[in-house]
Every structure is written in structure tokens, then in C-alpha cells.
Amino acid sequence: MDGNAPRDGLTPKVIPLEAGPGGRQRLLKGAPETAGMRSGMVVLPPGASVGRHDTGAHEEQLLILEGEGELRVEGSEPLPIAAGVAAYCPPHSLHDVVNTGSKALRYIYVVADAR
């Protein structure tokens, strides 16, 4: 097999970043599009939050593109996040992302199975 050929029916792609209604955009939706990874972009206006949620048996990485805010994970102190940083949320963690700044908070999330 050619080292550059797609494997398992998965194909390379480029996805424009264009948040839709509600400031959200799914980028990768998991199988069969990927081997299991999911991702998306979120744009939160000042004072808004994504809402408390738990990604279950999946770990989550946030890549902050613009703005500032906090990653709030139950049982931990809020973690400041800002453009140019990556944040990690372990599996089975109830968490929220809150825009604490005066401009939009824009970030990419990547969720993967934590096996």
C-alpha cells in the first residue's frame, strides 16, 4: 500500500471554518467519516457559555483561536483559556466553556475515544 494512500476507506479533506446558526459548526462527525474522532468549531458571544455537558468515555481538546474565557470542570478550579492555547478535558468530566471576555470566544473542539 502506498504510504500516502487513504486507509480503511478514510479520505483526507479540507473543511472551511464557517460557524453557522448558534455559532457552531461540526467539522468531523466520527465514523464512517473518521476512525472515531469528532470535532467542531464554537463561537460564543461575551458572557455566553456552551452549557454543562459530559463527553462520557471521550477525552476532549480545545484549541482557542480568538478571545478569552474559562474551562470549568466539575471538582476543579476554573482554567483560564485565551487565543493561542490548547486545553484538555479528561473523560467522564462534567464541564462547560464560558466566555469571560468582551469579544467573541472562538475555539475548535476535538473529541476522541479514551480507550
Protein backbone atom coordinates (compact mmCIF):
# COMPACT_ATOMS: atom_id res chain seq x y z
CA MET A 1 0.00 0.00 0.00
CA ASP A 2 1.29 3.49 -0.88
CA GLY A 3 2.29 5.42 2.26
CA ASN A 4 0.13 8.34 1.08
CA ALA A 5 -2.99 6.33 0.18
CA PRO A 6 -6.13 6.62 2.36
CA ARG A 7 -6.59 3.74 4.81
CA ASP A 8 -9.76 1.94 5.82
CA GLY A 9 -11.83 3.95 3.35
CA LEU A 10 -10.99 7.23 5.11
CA THR A 11 -10.10 10.16 2.88
CA PRO A 12 -8.15 13.36 3.52
CA LYS A 13 -10.16 16.58 3.38
CA VAL A 14 -10.04 20.31 3.94
CA ILE A 15 -13.00 21.91 5.73
CA PRO A 16 -13.59 25.70 5.65
CA LEU A 17 -14.22 27.21 9.11
CA GLU A 18 -17.63 28.87 8.86
CA ALA A 19 -19.72 28.86 12.03
CA GLY A 20 -23.40 28.53 11.28
CA PRO A 21 -26.55 29.34 13.27
CA GLY A 22 -25.91 29.45 17.00
CA GLY A 23 -22.19 29.97 16.42
CA ARG A 24 -21.48 26.26 15.92
CA GLN A 25 -20.07 24.14 13.11
CA ARG A 26 -19.42 20.40 13.04
CA LEU A 27 -16.14 19.64 11.34
CA LEU A 28 -15.71 15.86 11.64
CA LYS A 29 -18.68 13.72 12.63
CA GLY A 30 -16.98 10.43 13.57
CA ALA A 31 -17.39 7.08 11.79
CA PRO A 32 -17.60 6.41 8.92
CA GLU A 33 -16.08 9.82 8.07
CA THR A 34 -13.23 9.27 10.58
CA ALA A 35 -11.93 6.35 12.63
CA GLY A 36 -13.88 7.82 15.56
CA MET A 37 -12.67 11.38 16.12
CA ARG A 38 -15.26 14.17 16.18
CA SER A 39 -14.58 17.90 16.02
CA GLY A 40 -16.26 21.23 15.54
CA MET A 41 -15.98 24.97 15.94
CA VAL A 42 -17.81 27.07 18.51
CA VAL A 43 -18.20 30.86 18.61
CA LEU A 44 -19.51 32.20 21.93
CA PRO A 45 -20.51 35.85 22.37
CA PRO A 46 -19.36 37.70 25.50
CA GLY A 47 -20.99 36.29 28.65
CA ALA A 48 -22.26 33.13 26.91
CA SER A 49 -21.46 29.51 27.76
CA VAL A 50 -21.58 26.32 25.73
CA GLY A 51 -23.56 24.65 28.53
CA ARG A 52 -22.55 22.00 31.05
CA HIS A 53 -22.02 18.65 29.41
CA ASP A 54 -20.14 15.38 29.79
CA THR A 55 -18.39 13.73 26.86
CA GLY A 56 -18.63 10.34 28.60
CA ALA A 57 -15.83 7.93 27.73
CA HIS A 58 -14.25 10.51 25.41
CA GLU A 59 -11.47 12.98 26.07
CA GLU A 60 -11.72 16.49 24.64
CA GLN A 61 -9.17 19.05 23.49
CA LEU A 62 -9.97 22.72 22.93
CA LEU A 63 -7.86 24.86 20.60
CA ILE A 64 -8.56 28.53 21.34
CA LEU A 65 -8.46 30.70 18.21
CA GLU A 66 -9.80 34.05 19.46
CA GLY A 67 -11.00 35.64 22.68
CA GLU A 68 -10.75 34.54 26.28
CA GLY A 69 -12.76 32.60 28.80
CA GLU A 70 -12.71 29.72 31.24
CA LEU A 71 -12.86 25.94 31.04
CA ARG A 72 -14.91 24.93 34.08
CA VAL A 73 -14.57 21.28 35.06
CA GLU A 74 -16.60 19.99 38.00
CA GLY A 75 -14.35 19.42 41.02
CA SER A 76 -11.56 21.71 39.71
CA GLU A 77 -10.80 25.41 39.76
CA PRO A 78 -11.76 27.25 36.53
CA LEU A 79 -8.93 27.22 34.00
CA PRO A 80 -8.31 30.45 32.06
CA ILE A 81 -8.23 29.99 28.29
CA ALA A 82 -7.26 32.51 25.61
CA ALA A 83 -6.21 32.68 21.98
CA GLY A 84 -3.14 30.60 21.30
CA VAL A 85 -3.64 27.91 23.95
CA ALA A 86 -4.91 24.34 23.96
CA ALA A 87 -6.92 22.94 26.88
CA TYR A 88 -7.66 19.33 27.81
CA CYS A 89 -10.72 17.84 29.48
CA PRO A 90 -10.49 14.22 30.72
CA PRO A 91 -13.18 11.63 30.06
CA HIS A 92 -16.23 11.44 32.36
CA SER A 93 -15.86 15.13 33.35
CA LEU A 94 -18.87 17.41 33.63
CA HIS A 95 -17.60 20.65 32.10
CA ASP A 96 -18.50 23.98 30.50
CA VAL A 97 -16.76 26.68 28.48
CA VAL A 98 -17.64 30.28 29.38
CA ASN A 99 -16.71 33.45 27.51
CA THR A 100 -15.48 35.84 30.22
CA GLY A 101 -14.09 38.39 27.74
CA SER A 102 -15.51 41.37 25.88
CA LYS A 103 -15.16 39.82 22.40
CA ALA A 104 -16.28 36.56 20.81
CA LEU A 105 -14.56 33.38 22.05
CA ARG A 106 -13.84 31.13 19.07
CA TYR A 107 -12.44 27.63 19.50
CA ILE A 108 -12.14 24.21 17.89
CA TYR A 109 -13.00 21.11 19.91
CA VAL A 110 -11.67 17.64 19.17
CA VAL A 111 -13.27 14.64 20.89
CA ALA A 112 -11.79 11.13 20.73
CA ASP A 113 -12.44 7.77 22.35
CA ALA A 114 -10.32 7.48 25.50
CA ARG A 115 -9.66 3.72 25.26
